[in-house]
Amino acid sequence: MSGIDASLYDAAKIDGALWWRTFWNVTIPSIRFSIEFWIVLSFIEILARAFSFIYSYSRGGPGFATFTLEYGIYNEGFVAFNMGYASTWASVLFIVCAVIAYFQIVLMRKNSDVQ
């Protein structure tokens, strides 16, 4: 936020904008790309953290109630020792994350003036 030009805040102050309007119309658009990057990384982090909770609490059970793709990769690779199958699942997980991240970026840039 230190990279935001102070003249933008001065112009908003001269125009009589209150702090909320200044925050919404000056600060947020100025850090938009950082926010977009954070959203994409947070989504990937959520997918990565799901495994540890499921493994420590229920180990994918009862039945397949809490089964996720990450747990399936672990189960196939290190329990059943099907490394090829596990690496295929990991490739699918990467593709799913890449596609979702791509669509998130496209949707966020839809209203932006930067192409």
PDB file of N, CA and C in Angstrom:
ATOM      1  N   MET A   1       0.820  -1.192   0.000  1.00  0.00           N
ATOM      2  CA  MET A   1       0.000   0.000   0.000  1.00  0.00           C
ATOM      3  C   MET A   1       0.862   1.253   0.000  1.00  0.00           C
ATOM      4  N   SER A   2       2.140   1.090   0.307  1.00  0.00           N
ATOM      5  CA  SER A   2       3.004   2.269   0.283  1.00  0.00           C
ATOM      6  C   SER A   2       3.290   2.724  -1.143  1.00  0.00           C
ATOM      7  N   GLY A   3       2.993   1.871  -2.128  1.00  0.00           N
ATOM      8  CA  GLY A   3       3.213   2.231  -3.515  1.00  0.00           C
ATOM      9  C   GLY A   3       2.093   3.049  -4.129  1.00  0.00           C
ATOM     10  N   ILE A   4       1.035   3.293  -3.384  1.00  0.00           N
ATOM     11  CA  ILE A   4      -0.085   4.082  -3.896  1.00  0.00           C
ATOM     12  C   ILE A   4       0.307   5.553  -3.873  1.00  0.00           C
ATOM     13  N   ASP A   5       0.091   6.207  -4.977  1.00  0.00           N
ATOM     14  CA  ASP A   5       0.469   7.610  -5.126  1.00  0.00           C
ATOM     15  C   ASP A   5      -0.326   8.479  -4.147  1.00  0.00           C
ATOM     16  N   ALA A   6       0.374   9.292  -3.383  1.00  0.00           N
ATOM     17  CA  ALA A   6      -0.264  10.152  -2.383  1.00  0.00           C
ATOM     18  C   ALA A   6      -1.159  11.199  -3.024  1.00  0.00           C
ATOM     19  N   SER A   7      -0.897  11.544  -4.271  1.00  0.00           N
ATOM     20  CA  SER A   7      -1.731  12.550  -4.934  1.00  0.00           C
ATOM     21  C   SER A   7      -3.160  12.045  -5.145  1.00  0.00           C
ATOM     22  N   LEU A   8      -3.334  10.728  -5.227  1.00  0.00           N
ATOM     23  CA  LEU A   8      -4.692  10.179  -5.341  1.00  0.00           C
ATOM     24  C   LEU A   8      -5.488  10.442  -4.065  1.00  0.00           C
ATOM     25  N   TYR A   9      -4.832  10.262  -2.926  1.00  0.00           N
ATOM     26  CA  TYR A   9      -5.500  10.542  -1.653  1.00  0.00           C
ATOM     27  C   TYR A   9      -5.762  12.040  -1.490  1.00  0.00           C
ATOM     28  N   ASP A  10      -4.816  12.851  -1.928  1.00  0.00           N
ATOM     29  CA  ASP A  10      -5.002  14.304  -1.858  1.00  0.00           C
ATOM     30  C   ASP A  10      -6.168  14.749  -2.730  1.00  0.00           C
ATOM     31  N   ALA A  11      -6.276  14.171  -3.926  1.00  0.00           N
ATOM     32  CA  ALA A  11      -7.379  14.527  -4.823  1.00  0.00           C
ATOM     33  C   ALA A  11      -8.717  14.115  -4.224  1.00  0.00           C
ATOM     34  N   ALA A  12      -8.758  12.943  -3.595  1.00  0.00           N
ATOM     35  CA  ALA A  12     -10.001  12.500  -2.958  1.00  0.00           C
ATOM     36  C   ALA A  12     -10.367  13.410  -1.794  1.00  0.00           C
ATOM     37  N   LYS A  13      -9.360  13.851  -1.048  1.00  0.00           N
ATOM     38  CA  LYS A  13      -9.611  14.746   0.078  1.00  0.00           C
ATOM     39  C   LYS A  13     -10.130  16.095  -0.407  1.00  0.00           C
ATOM     40  N   ILE A  14      -9.554  16.610  -1.496  1.00  0.00           N
ATOM     41  CA  ILE A  14     -10.003  17.888  -2.063  1.00  0.00           C
ATOM     42  C   ILE A  14     -11.435  17.775  -2.573  1.00  0.00           C
ATOM     43  N   ASP A  15     -11.764  16.622  -3.153  1.00  0.00           N
ATOM     44  CA  ASP A  15     -13.125  16.404  -3.657  1.00  0.00           C
ATOM     45  C   ASP A  15     -14.138  16.198  -2.544  1.00  0.00           C
ATOM     46  N   GLY A  16     -13.674  16.068  -1.311  1.00  0.00           N
ATOM     47  CA  GLY A  16     -14.581  15.929  -0.181  1.00  0.00           C
ATOM     48  C   GLY A  16     -15.000  14.497   0.102  1.00  0.00           C
ATOM     49  N   ALA A  17     -14.241  13.529  -0.375  1.00  0.00           N
ATOM     50  CA  ALA A  17     -14.584  12.127  -0.141  1.00  0.00           C
ATOM     51  C   ALA A  17     -14.288  11.756   1.306  1.00  0.00           C
ATOM     52  N   LEU A  18     -15.199  11.013   1.907  1.00  0.00           N
ATOM     53  CA  LEU A  18     -14.996  10.515   3.257  1.00  0.00           C
ATOM     54  C   LEU A  18     -14.024   9.336   3.214  1.00  0.00           C
ATOM     55  N   TRP A  19     -13.618   8.861   4.402  1.00  0.00           N
ATOM     56  CA  TRP A  19     -12.604   7.809   4.455  1.00  0.00           C
ATOM     57  C   TRP A  19     -13.082   6.545   3.766  1.00  0.00           C
ATOM     58  N   TRP A  20     -14.360   6.184   3.910  1.00  0.00           N
ATOM     59  CA  TRP A  20     -14.864   4.948   3.297  1.00  0.00           C
ATOM     60  C   TRP A  20     -14.845   5.056   1.770  1.00  0.00           C
ATOM     61  N   ARG A  21     -15.271   6.187   1.250  1.00  0.00           N
ATOM     62  CA  ARG A  21     -15.288   6.383  -0.200  1.00  0.00           C
ATOM     63  C   ARG A  21     -13.854   6.411  -0.742  1.00  0.00           C
ATOM     64  N   THR A  22     -12.929   7.004   0.002  1.00  0.00           N
ATOM     65  CA  THR A  22     -11.523   7.019  -0.405  1.00  0.00           C
ATOM     66  C   THR A  22     -10.954   5.601  -0.419  1.00  0.00           C
ATOM     67  N   PHE A  23     -11.276   4.849   0.616  1.00  0.00           N
ATOM     68  CA  PHE A  23     -10.804   3.464   0.674  1.00  0.00           C
ATOM     69  C   PHE A  23     -11.359   2.658  -0.492  1.00  0.00           C
ATOM     70  N   TRP A  24     -12.657   2.802  -0.749  1.00  0.00           N
ATOM     71  CA  TRP A  24     -13.322   2.001  -1.778  1.00  0.00           C
ATOM     72  C   TRP A  24     -12.905   2.407  -3.194  1.00  0.00           C
ATOM     73  N   ASN A  25     -12.716   3.692  -3.450  1.00  0.00           N
ATOM     74  CA  ASN A  25     -12.440   4.165  -4.812  1.00  0.00           C
ATOM     75  C   ASN A  25     -10.973   4.448  -5.111  1.00  0.00           C
ATOM     76  N   VAL A  26     -10.123   4.496  -4.091  1.00  0.00           N
ATOM     77  CA  VAL A  26      -8.704   4.762  -4.331  1.00  0.00           C
ATOM     78  C   VAL A  26      -7.848   3.563  -3.913  1.00  0.00           C
ATOM     79  N   THR A  27      -7.998   3.129  -2.669  1.00  0.00           N
ATOM     80  CA  THR A  27      -7.125   2.078  -2.150  1.00  0.00           C
ATOM     81  C   THR A  27      -7.393   0.729  -2.807  1.00  0.00           C
ATOM     82  N   ILE A  28      -8.643   0.294  -2.819  1.00  0.00           N
ATOM     83  CA  ILE A  28      -8.980  -1.024  -3.378  1.00  0.00           C
ATOM     84  C   ILE A  28      -8.578  -1.142  -4.850  1.00  0.00           C
ATOM     85  N   PRO A  29      -8.923  -0.202  -5.728  1.00  0.00           N
ATOM     86  CA  PRO A  29      -8.467  -0.345  -7.118  1.00  0.00           C
ATOM     87  C   PRO A  29      -6.942  -0.321  -7.268  1.00  0.00           C
ATOM     88  N   SER A  30      -6.260   0.365  -6.366  1.00  0.00           N
ATOM     89  CA  SER A  30      -4.804   0.439  -6.465  1.00  0.00           C
ATOM     90  C   SER A  30      -4.121  -0.870  -6.081  1.00  0.00           C
ATOM     91  N   ILE A  31      -4.752  -1.647  -5.222  1.00  0.00           N
ATOM     92  CA  ILE A  31      -4.159  -2.925  -4.811  1.00  0.00           C
ATOM     93  C   ILE A  31      -4.937  -4.115  -5.378  1.00  0.00           C
ATOM     94  N   ARG A  32      -5.701  -3.888  -6.421  1.00  0.00           N
ATOM     95  CA  ARG A  32      -6.550  -4.928  -7.009  1.00  0.00           C
ATOM     96  C   ARG A  32      -5.758  -6.162  -7.435  1.00  0.00           C
ATOM     97  N   PHE A  33      -4.618  -5.978  -8.071  1.00  0.00           N
ATOM     98  CA  PHE A  33      -3.848  -7.120  -8.556  1.00  0.00           C
ATOM     99  C   PHE A  33      -3.293  -7.950  -7.399  1.00  0.00           C
ATOM    100  N   SER A  34      -2.935  -7.302  -6.315  1.00  0.00           N
ATOM    101  CA  SER A  34      -2.480  -8.037  -5.134  1.00  0.00           C
ATOM    102  C   SER A  34      -3.620  -8.840  -4.533  1.00  0.00           C
ATOM    103  N   ILE A  35      -4.806  -8.270  -4.516  1.00  0.00           N
ATOM    104  CA  ILE A  35      -5.976  -8.974  -3.994  1.00  0.00           C
ATOM    105  C   ILE A  35      -6.295 -10.185  -4.867  1.00  0.00           C
ATOM    106  N   GLU A  36      -6.236 -10.018  -6.176  1.00  0.00           N
ATOM    107  CA  GLU A  36      -6.503 -11.135  -7.085  1.00  0.00           C
ATOM    108  C   GLU A  36      -5.499 -12.260  -6.880  1.00  0.00           C
ATOM    109  N   PHE A  37      -4.237 -11.923  -6.752  1.00  0.00           N
ATOM    110  CA  PHE A  37      -3.200 -12.922  -6.528  1.00  0.00           C
ATOM    111  C   PHE A  37      -3.434 -13.653  -5.213  1.00  0.00           C
ATOM    112  N   TRP A  38      -3.807 -12.926  -4.178  1.00  0.00           N
ATOM    113  CA  TRP A  38      -4.073 -13.519  -2.877  1.00  0.00           C
ATOM    114  C   TRP A  38      -5.260 -14.481  -2.940  1.00  0.00           C
ATOM    115  N   ILE A  39      -6.302 -14.141  -3.691  1.00  0.00           N
ATOM    116  CA  ILE A  39      -7.476 -15.004  -3.806  1.00  0.00           C
ATOM    117  C   ILE A  39      -7.111 -16.324  -4.479  1.00  0.00           C
ATOM    118  N   VAL A  40      -6.334 -16.264  -5.544  1.00  0.00           N
ATOM    119  CA  VAL A  40      -5.928 -17.489  -6.243  1.00  0.00           C
ATOM    120  C   VAL A  40      -5.066 -18.362  -5.328  1.00  0.00           C
ATOM    121  N   LEU A  41      -4.098 -17.771  -4.645  1.00  0.00           N
ATOM    122  CA  LEU A  41      -3.256 -18.550  -3.742  1.00  0.00           C
ATOM    123  C   LEU A  41      -4.047 -19.110  -2.563  1.00  0.00           C
ATOM    124  N   SER A  42      -5.027 -18.378  -2.079  1.00  0.00           N
ATOM    125  CA  SER A  42      -5.856 -18.872  -0.980  1.00  0.00           C
ATOM    126  C   SER A  42      -6.669 -20.083  -1.399  1.00  0.00           C
ATOM    127  N   PHE A  43      -7.179 -20.069  -2.622  1.00  0.00           N
ATOM    128  CA  PHE A  43      -7.923 -21.220  -3.115  1.00  0.00           C
ATOM    129  C   PHE A  43      -7.035 -22.465  -3.155  1.00  0.00           C
ATOM    130  N   ILE A  44      -5.828 -22.315  -3.667  1.00  0.00           N
ATOM    131  CA  ILE A  44      -4.906 -23.449  -3.732  1.00  0.00           C
ATOM    132  C   ILE A  44      -4.533 -23.910  -2.325  1.00  0.00           C
ATOM    133  N   GLU A  45      -4.359 -22.993  -1.411  1.00  0.00           N
ATOM    134  CA  GLU A  45      -4.037 -23.329  -0.024  1.00  0.00           C
ATOM    135  C   GLU A  45      -5.169 -24.109   0.640  1.00  0.00           C
ATOM    136  N   ILE A  46      -6.401 -23.733   0.365  1.00  0.00           N
ATOM    137  CA  ILE A  46      -7.550 -24.450   0.924  1.00  0.00           C
ATOM    138  C   ILE A  46      -7.543 -25.897   0.458  1.00  0.00           C
ATOM    139  N   LEU A  47      -7.274 -26.107  -0.825  1.00  0.00           N
ATOM    140  CA  LEU A  47      -7.213 -27.475  -1.333  1.00  0.00           C
ATOM    141  C   LEU A  47      -6.080 -28.261  -0.679  1.00  0.00           C
ATOM    142  N   ALA A  48      -4.955 -27.618  -0.447  1.00  0.00           N
ATOM    143  CA  ALA A  48      -3.813 -28.309   0.141  1.00  0.00           C
ATOM    144  C   ALA A  48      -4.042 -28.631   1.616  1.00  0.00           C
ATOM    145  N   ARG A  49      -4.725 -27.777   2.343  1.00  0.00           N
ATOM    146  CA  ARG A  49      -4.946 -27.986   3.776  1.00  0.00           C
ATOM    147  C   ARG A  49      -6.054 -28.986   4.080  1.00  0.00           C
ATOM    148  N   ALA A  50      -6.915 -29.248   3.129  1.00  0.00           N
ATOM    149  CA  ALA A  50      -8.030 -30.165   3.378  1.00  0.00           C
ATOM    150  C   ALA A  50      -7.522 -31.553   3.747  1.00  0.00           C
ATOM    151  N   PHE A  51      -6.430 -31.983   3.140  1.00  0.00           N
ATOM    152  CA  PHE A  51      -5.910 -33.324   3.400  1.00  0.00           C
ATOM    153  C   PHE A  51      -5.549 -33.525   4.862  1.00  0.00           C
ATOM    154  N   SER A  52      -4.837 -32.580   5.463  1.00  0.00           N
ATOM    155  CA  SER A  52      -4.369 -32.769   6.836  1.00  0.00           C
ATOM    156  C   SER A  52      -5.520 -32.906   7.822  1.00  0.00           C
ATOM    157  N   PHE A  53      -6.590 -32.143   7.622  1.00  0.00           N
ATOM    158  CA  PHE A  53      -7.740 -32.265   8.512  1.00  0.00           C
ATOM    159  C   PHE A  53      -8.432 -33.612   8.345  1.00  0.00           C
ATOM    160  N   ILE A  54      -8.643 -34.010   7.119  1.00  0.00           N
ATOM    161  CA  ILE A  54      -9.334 -35.272   6.864  1.00  0.00           C
ATOM    162  C   ILE A  54      -8.503 -36.447   7.353  1.00  0.00           C
ATOM    163  N   TYR A  55      -7.217 -36.414   7.110  1.00  0.00           N
ATOM    164  CA  TYR A  55      -6.366 -37.526   7.524  1.00  0.00           C
ATOM    165  C   TYR A  55      -6.304 -37.637   9.040  1.00  0.00           C
ATOM    166  N   SER A  56      -6.182 -36.521   9.733  1.00  0.00           N
ATOM    167  CA  SER A  56      -6.047 -36.581  11.186  1.00  0.00           C
ATOM    168  C   SER A  56      -7.361 -36.875  11.901  1.00  0.00           C
ATOM    169  N   TYR A  57      -8.489 -36.479  11.339  1.00  0.00           N
ATOM    170  CA  TYR A  57      -9.764 -36.683  12.020  1.00  0.00           C
ATOM    171  C   TYR A  57     -10.460 -37.977  11.651  1.00  0.00           C
ATOM    172  N   SER A  58     -10.521 -38.309  10.369  1.00  0.00           N
ATOM    173  CA  SER A  58     -11.382 -39.436   9.998  1.00  0.00           C
ATOM    174  C   SER A  58     -10.759 -40.417   9.019  1.00  0.00           C
ATOM    175  N   ARG A  59      -9.603 -40.116   8.498  1.00  0.00           N
ATOM    176  CA  ARG A  59      -8.929 -40.969   7.514  1.00  0.00           C
ATOM    177  C   ARG A  59      -9.837 -41.316   6.340  1.00  0.00           C
ATOM    178  N   GLY A  60     -10.619 -40.342   5.905  1.00  0.00           N
ATOM    179  CA  GLY A  60     -11.464 -40.517   4.729  1.00  0.00           C
ATOM    180  C   GLY A  60     -12.795 -41.174   4.990  1.00  0.00           C
ATOM    181  N   GLY A  61     -13.104 -41.497   6.203  1.00  0.00           N
ATOM    182  CA  GLY A  61     -14.331 -42.252   6.491  1.00  0.00           C
ATOM    183  C   GLY A  61     -15.347 -41.398   7.194  1.00  0.00           C
ATOM    184  N   PRO A  62     -16.433 -41.943   7.628  1.00  0.00           N
ATOM    185  CA  PRO A  62     -16.877 -43.324   7.413  1.00  0.00           C
ATOM    186  C   PRO A  62     -17.250 -43.556   5.955  1.00  0.00           C
ATOM    187  N   GLY A  63     -16.848 -44.693   5.463  1.00  0.00           N
ATOM    188  CA  GLY A  63     -17.045 -44.987   4.048  1.00  0.00           C
ATOM    189  C   GLY A  63     -16.214 -44.020   3.227  1.00  0.00           C
ATOM    190  N   PHE A  64     -16.858 -43.277   2.357  1.00  0.00           N
ATOM    191  CA  PHE A  64     -16.184 -42.245   1.562  1.00  0.00           C
ATOM    192  C   PHE A  64     -16.771 -40.867   1.869  1.00  0.00           C
ATOM    193  N   ALA A  65     -17.276 -40.677   3.074  1.00  0.00           N
ATOM    194  CA  ALA A  65     -17.969 -39.436   3.425  1.00  0.00           C
ATOM    195  C   ALA A  65     -17.048 -38.218   3.361  1.00  0.00           C
ATOM    196  N   THR A  66     -15.805 -38.359   3.789  1.00  0.00           N
ATOM    197  CA  THR A  66     -14.889 -37.221   3.768  1.00  0.00           C
ATOM    198  C   THR A  66     -13.725 -37.466   2.818  1.00  0.00           C
ATOM    199  N   PHE A  67     -13.929 -38.271   1.826  1.00  0.00           N
ATOM    200  CA  PHE A  67     -12.895 -38.595   0.841  1.00  0.00           C
ATOM    201  C   PHE A  67     -12.699 -37.419  -0.107  1.00  0.00           C
ATOM    202  N   THR A  68     -11.455 -36.998  -0.286  1.00  0.00           N
ATOM    203  CA  THR A  68     -11.128 -35.932  -1.233  1.00  0.00           C
ATOM    204  C   THR A  68     -10.059 -36.440  -2.193  1.00  0.00           C
ATOM    205  N   LEU A  69      -9.810 -35.674  -3.222  1.00  0.00           N
ATOM    206  CA  LEU A  69      -8.798 -36.054  -4.201  1.00  0.00           C
ATOM    207  C   LEU A  69      -7.415 -36.138  -3.559  1.00  0.00           C
ATOM    208  N   GLU A  70      -7.109 -35.232  -2.639  1.00  0.00           N
ATOM    209  CA  GLU A  70      -5.812 -35.256  -1.964  1.00  0.00           C
ATOM    210  C   GLU A  70      -5.651 -36.522  -1.134  1.00  0.00           C
ATOM    211  N   TYR A  71      -6.717 -36.903  -0.430  1.00  0.00           N
ATOM    212  CA  TYR A  71      -6.647 -38.128   0.360  1.00  0.00           C
ATOM    213  C   TYR A  71      -6.527 -39.343  -0.551  1.00  0.00           C
ATOM    214  N   GLY A  72      -7.189 -39.316  -1.694  1.00  0.00           N
ATOM    215  CA  GLY A  72      -7.072 -40.409  -2.652  1.00  0.00           C
ATOM    216  C   GLY A  72      -5.653 -40.552  -3.176  1.00  0.00           C
ATOM    217  N   ILE A  73      -4.976 -39.432  -3.408  1.00  0.00           N
ATOM    218  CA  ILE A  73      -3.578 -39.472  -3.861  1.00  0.00           C
ATOM    219  C   ILE A  73      -2.702 -40.127  -2.800  1.00  0.00           C
ATOM    220  N   TYR A  74      -2.882 -39.707  -1.554  1.00  0.00           N
ATOM    221  CA  TYR A  74      -2.105 -40.298  -0.464  1.00  0.00           C
ATOM    222  C   TYR A  74      -2.411 -41.786  -0.330  1.00  0.00           C
ATOM    223  N   ASN A  75      -3.676 -42.126  -0.339  1.00  0.00           N
ATOM    224  CA  ASN A  75      -4.093 -43.510  -0.134  1.00  0.00           C
ATOM    225  C   ASN A  75      -3.551 -44.421  -1.239  1.00  0.00           C
ATOM    226  N   GLU A  76      -3.660 -43.989  -2.472  1.00  0.00           N
ATOM    227  CA  GLU A  76      -3.168 -44.808  -3.582  1.00  0.00           C
ATOM    228  C   GLU A  76      -1.646 -44.886  -3.598  1.00  0.00           C
ATOM    229  N   GLY A  77      -0.981 -43.800  -3.272  1.00  0.00           N
ATOM    230  CA  GLY A  77       0.476 -43.780  -3.355  1.00  0.00           C
ATOM    231  C   GLY A  77       1.184 -44.439  -2.197  1.00  0.00           C
ATOM    232  N   PHE A  78       0.733 -44.173  -0.972  1.00  0.00           N
ATOM    233  CA  PHE A  78       1.491 -44.605   0.194  1.00  0.00           C
ATOM    234  C   PHE A  78       0.832 -45.708   1.008  1.00  0.00           C
ATOM    235  N   VAL A  79      -0.412 -46.014   0.735  1.00  0.00           N
ATOM    236  CA  VAL A  79      -1.072 -47.130   1.412  1.00  0.00           C
ATOM    237  C   VAL A  79      -1.140 -48.328   0.470  1.00  0.00           C
ATOM    238  N   ALA A  80      -1.644 -48.106  -0.747  1.00  0.00           N
ATOM    239  CA  ALA A  80      -1.772 -49.188  -1.723  1.00  0.00           C
ATOM    240  C   ALA A  80      -0.521 -49.327  -2.595  1.00  0.00           C
ATOM    241  N   PHE A  81       0.409 -48.390  -2.508  1.00  0.00           N
ATOM    242  CA  PHE A  81       1.661 -48.386  -3.275  1.00  0.00           C
ATOM    243  C   PHE A  81       1.440 -48.434  -4.786  1.00  0.00           C
ATOM    244  N   ASN A  82       0.394 -47.785  -5.250  1.00  0.00           N
ATOM    245  CA  ASN A  82       0.151 -47.610  -6.680  1.00  0.00           C
ATOM    246  C   ASN A  82       0.633 -46.217  -7.066  1.00  0.00           C
ATOM    247  N   MET A  83       1.935 -46.049  -7.206  1.00  0.00           N
ATOM    248  CA  MET A  83       2.508 -44.726  -7.448  1.00  0.00           C
ATOM    249  C   MET A  83       2.080 -44.138  -8.789  1.00  0.00           C
ATOM    250  N   GLY A  84       1.948 -44.967  -9.803  1.00  0.00           N
ATOM    251  CA  GLY A  84       1.511 -44.470 -11.108  1.00  0.00           C
ATOM    252  C   GLY A  84       0.098 -43.924 -11.053  1.00  0.00           C
ATOM    253  N   TYR A  85      -0.777 -44.649 -10.374  1.00  0.00           N
ATOM    254  CA  TYR A  85      -2.159 -44.212 -10.218  1.00  0.00           C
ATOM    255  C   TYR A  85      -2.220 -42.928  -9.393  1.00  0.00           C
ATOM    256  N   ALA A  86      -1.409 -42.860  -8.335  1.00  0.00           N
ATOM    257  CA  ALA A  86      -1.381 -41.661  -7.491  1.00  0.00           C
ATOM    258  C   ALA A  86      -0.851 -40.457  -8.266  1.00  0.00           C
ATOM    259  N   SER A  87       0.154 -40.663  -9.101  1.00  0.00           N
ATOM    260  CA  SER A  87       0.681 -39.537  -9.873  1.00  0.00           C
ATOM    261  C   SER A  87      -0.320 -39.073 -10.925  1.00  0.00           C
ATOM    262  N   THR A  88      -1.126 -39.993 -11.439  1.00  0.00           N
ATOM    263  CA  THR A  88      -2.191 -39.599 -12.361  1.00  0.00           C
ATOM    264  C   THR A  88      -3.220 -38.742 -11.641  1.00  0.00           C
ATOM    265  N   TRP A  89      -3.592 -39.141 -10.430  1.00  0.00           N
ATOM    266  CA  TRP A  89      -4.529 -38.348  -9.638  1.00  0.00           C
ATOM    267  C   TRP A  89      -3.935 -36.976  -9.325  1.00  0.00           C
ATOM    268  N   ALA A  90      -2.633 -36.935  -9.032  1.00  0.00           N
ATOM    269  CA  ALA A  90      -1.981 -35.654  -8.740  1.00  0.00           C
ATOM    270  C   ALA A  90      -1.983 -34.754  -9.976  1.00  0.00           C
ATOM    271  N   SER A  91      -1.808 -35.341 -11.137  1.00  0.00           N
ATOM    272  CA  SER A  91      -1.876 -34.556 -12.377  1.00  0.00           C
ATOM    273  C   SER A  91      -3.270 -33.995 -12.590  1.00  0.00           C
ATOM    274  N   VAL A  92      -4.282 -34.794 -12.292  1.00  0.00           N
ATOM    275  CA  VAL A  92      -5.666 -34.324 -12.401  1.00  0.00           C
ATOM    276  C   VAL A  92      -5.906 -33.181 -11.418  1.00  0.00           C
ATOM    277  N   LEU A  93      -5.400 -33.310 -10.198  1.00  0.00           N
ATOM    278  CA  LEU A  93      -5.545 -32.239  -9.207  1.00  0.00           C
ATOM    279  C   LEU A  93      -4.876 -30.959  -9.690  1.00  0.00           C
ATOM    280  N   PHE A  94      -3.695 -31.070 -10.281  1.00  0.00           N
ATOM    281  CA  PHE A  94      -3.009 -29.896 -10.818  1.00  0.00           C
ATOM    282  C   PHE A  94      -3.831 -29.247 -11.918  1.00  0.00           C
ATOM    283  N   ILE A  95      -4.381 -30.042 -12.811  1.00  0.00           N
ATOM    284  CA  ILE A  95      -5.187 -29.499 -13.907  1.00  0.00           C
ATOM    285  C   ILE A  95      -6.433 -28.815 -13.367  1.00  0.00           C
ATOM    286  N   VAL A  96      -7.082 -29.422 -12.381  1.00  0.00           N
ATOM    287  CA  VAL A  96      -8.275 -28.814 -11.777  1.00  0.00           C
ATOM    288  C   VAL A  96      -7.917 -27.472 -11.143  1.00  0.00           C
ATOM    289  N   CYS A  97      -6.818 -27.422 -10.387  1.00  0.00           N
ATOM    290  CA  CYS A  97      -6.391 -26.160  -9.763  1.00  0.00           C
ATOM    291  C   CYS A  97      -6.052 -25.114 -10.816  1.00  0.00           C
ATOM    292  N   ALA A  98      -5.371 -25.521 -11.876  1.00  0.00           N
ATOM    293  CA  ALA A  98      -4.996 -24.576 -12.927  1.00  0.00           C
ATOM    294  C   ALA A  98      -6.215 -24.022 -13.644  1.00  0.00           C
ATOM    295  N   VAL A  99      -7.190 -24.872 -13.930  1.00  0.00           N
ATOM    296  CA  VAL A  99      -8.404 -24.418 -14.621  1.00  0.00           C
ATOM    297  C   VAL A  99      -9.201 -23.466 -13.736  1.00  0.00           C
ATOM    298  N   ILE A 100      -9.362 -23.812 -12.473  1.00  0.00           N
ATOM    299  CA  ILE A 100     -10.113 -22.946 -11.558  1.00  0.00           C
ATOM    300  C   ILE A 100      -9.386 -21.617 -11.365  1.00  0.00           C
ATOM    301  N   ALA A 101      -8.064 -21.655 -11.219  1.00  0.00           N
ATOM    302  CA  ALA A 101      -7.298 -20.409 -11.081  1.00  0.00           C
ATOM    303  C   ALA A 101      -7.427 -19.556 -12.336  1.00  0.00           C
ATOM    304  N   TYR A 102      -7.399 -20.181 -13.508  1.00  0.00           N
ATOM    305  CA  TYR A 102      -7.551 -19.442 -14.762  1.00  0.00           C
ATOM    306  C   TYR A 102      -8.904 -18.739 -14.811  1.00  0.00           C
ATOM    307  N   PHE A 103      -9.971 -19.468 -14.473  1.00  0.00           N
ATOM    308  CA  PHE A 103     -11.293 -18.856 -14.513  1.00  0.00           C
ATOM    309  C   PHE A 103     -11.459 -17.770 -13.452  1.00  0.00           C
ATOM    310  N   GLN A 104     -10.830 -17.938 -12.301  1.00  0.00           N
ATOM    311  CA  GLN A 104     -10.865 -16.876 -11.298  1.00  0.00           C
ATOM    312  C   GLN A 104     -10.198 -15.616 -11.834  1.00  0.00           C
ATOM    313  N   ILE A 105      -9.067 -15.761 -12.479  1.00  0.00           N
ATOM    314  CA  ILE A 105      -8.358 -14.603 -13.021  1.00  0.00           C
ATOM    315  C   ILE A 105      -9.163 -13.953 -14.132  1.00  0.00           C
ATOM    316  N   VAL A 106      -9.764 -14.765 -15.007  1.00  0.00           N
ATOM    317  CA  VAL A 106     -10.579 -14.216 -16.097  1.00  0.00           C
ATOM    318  C   VAL A 106     -11.761 -13.443 -15.534  1.00  0.00           C
ATOM    319  N   LEU A 107     -12.437 -13.993 -14.537  1.00  0.00           N
ATOM    320  CA  LEU A 107     -13.590 -13.303 -13.949  1.00  0.00           C
ATOM    321  C   LEU A 107     -13.181 -12.018 -13.243  1.00  0.00           C
ATOM    322  N   MET A 108     -12.033 -12.024 -12.590  1.00  0.00           N
ATOM    323  CA  MET A 108     -11.595 -10.821 -11.892  1.00  0.00           C
ATOM    324  C   MET A 108     -11.141  -9.737 -12.862  1.00  0.00           C
ATOM    325  N   ARG A 109     -10.594 -10.119 -13.996  1.00  0.00           N
ATOM    326  CA  ARG A 109     -10.130  -9.150 -14.988  1.00  0.00           C
ATOM    327  C   ARG A 109     -11.254  -8.670 -15.897  1.00  0.00           C
ATOM    328  N   LYS A 110     -12.403  -9.308 -15.814  1.00  0.00           N
ATOM    329  CA  LYS A 110     -13.522  -8.984 -16.699  1.00  0.00           C
ATOM    330  C   LYS A 110     -13.904  -7.509 -16.611  1.00  0.00           C
ATOM    331  N   ASN A 111     -13.931  -6.968 -15.411  1.00  0.00           N
ATOM    332  CA  ASN A 111     -14.324  -5.574 -15.220  1.00  0.00           C
ATOM    333  C   ASN A 111     -13.133  -4.626 -15.145  1.00  0.00           C
ATOM    334  N   SER A 112     -11.938  -5.166 -15.319  1.00  0.00           N
ATOM    335  CA  SER A 112     -10.744  -4.334 -15.238  1.00  0.00           C
ATOM    336  C   SER A 112     -10.454  -3.694 -16.589  1.00  0.00           C
ATOM    337  N   ASP A 113      -9.787  -2.555 -16.573  1.00  0.00           N
ATOM    338  CA  ASP A 113      -9.426  -1.891 -17.821  1.00  0.00           C
ATOM    339  C   ASP A 113      -8.108  -2.414 -18.385  1.00  0.00           C
ATOM    340  N   VAL A 114      -7.424  -3.295 -17.653  1.00  0.00           N
ATOM    341  CA  VAL A 114      -6.170  -3.879 -18.109  1.00  0.00           C
ATOM    342  C   VAL A 114      -6.471  -5.185 -18.821  1.00  0.00           C
ATOM    343  N   GLN A 115      -5.909  -5.366 -20.006  1.00  0.00           N
ATOM    344  CA  GLN A 115      -6.142  -6.596 -20.773  1.00  0.00           C
ATOM    345  C   GLN A 115      -5.029  -7.580 -20.551  1.00  0.00           C
TER     346      GLN A 115
END
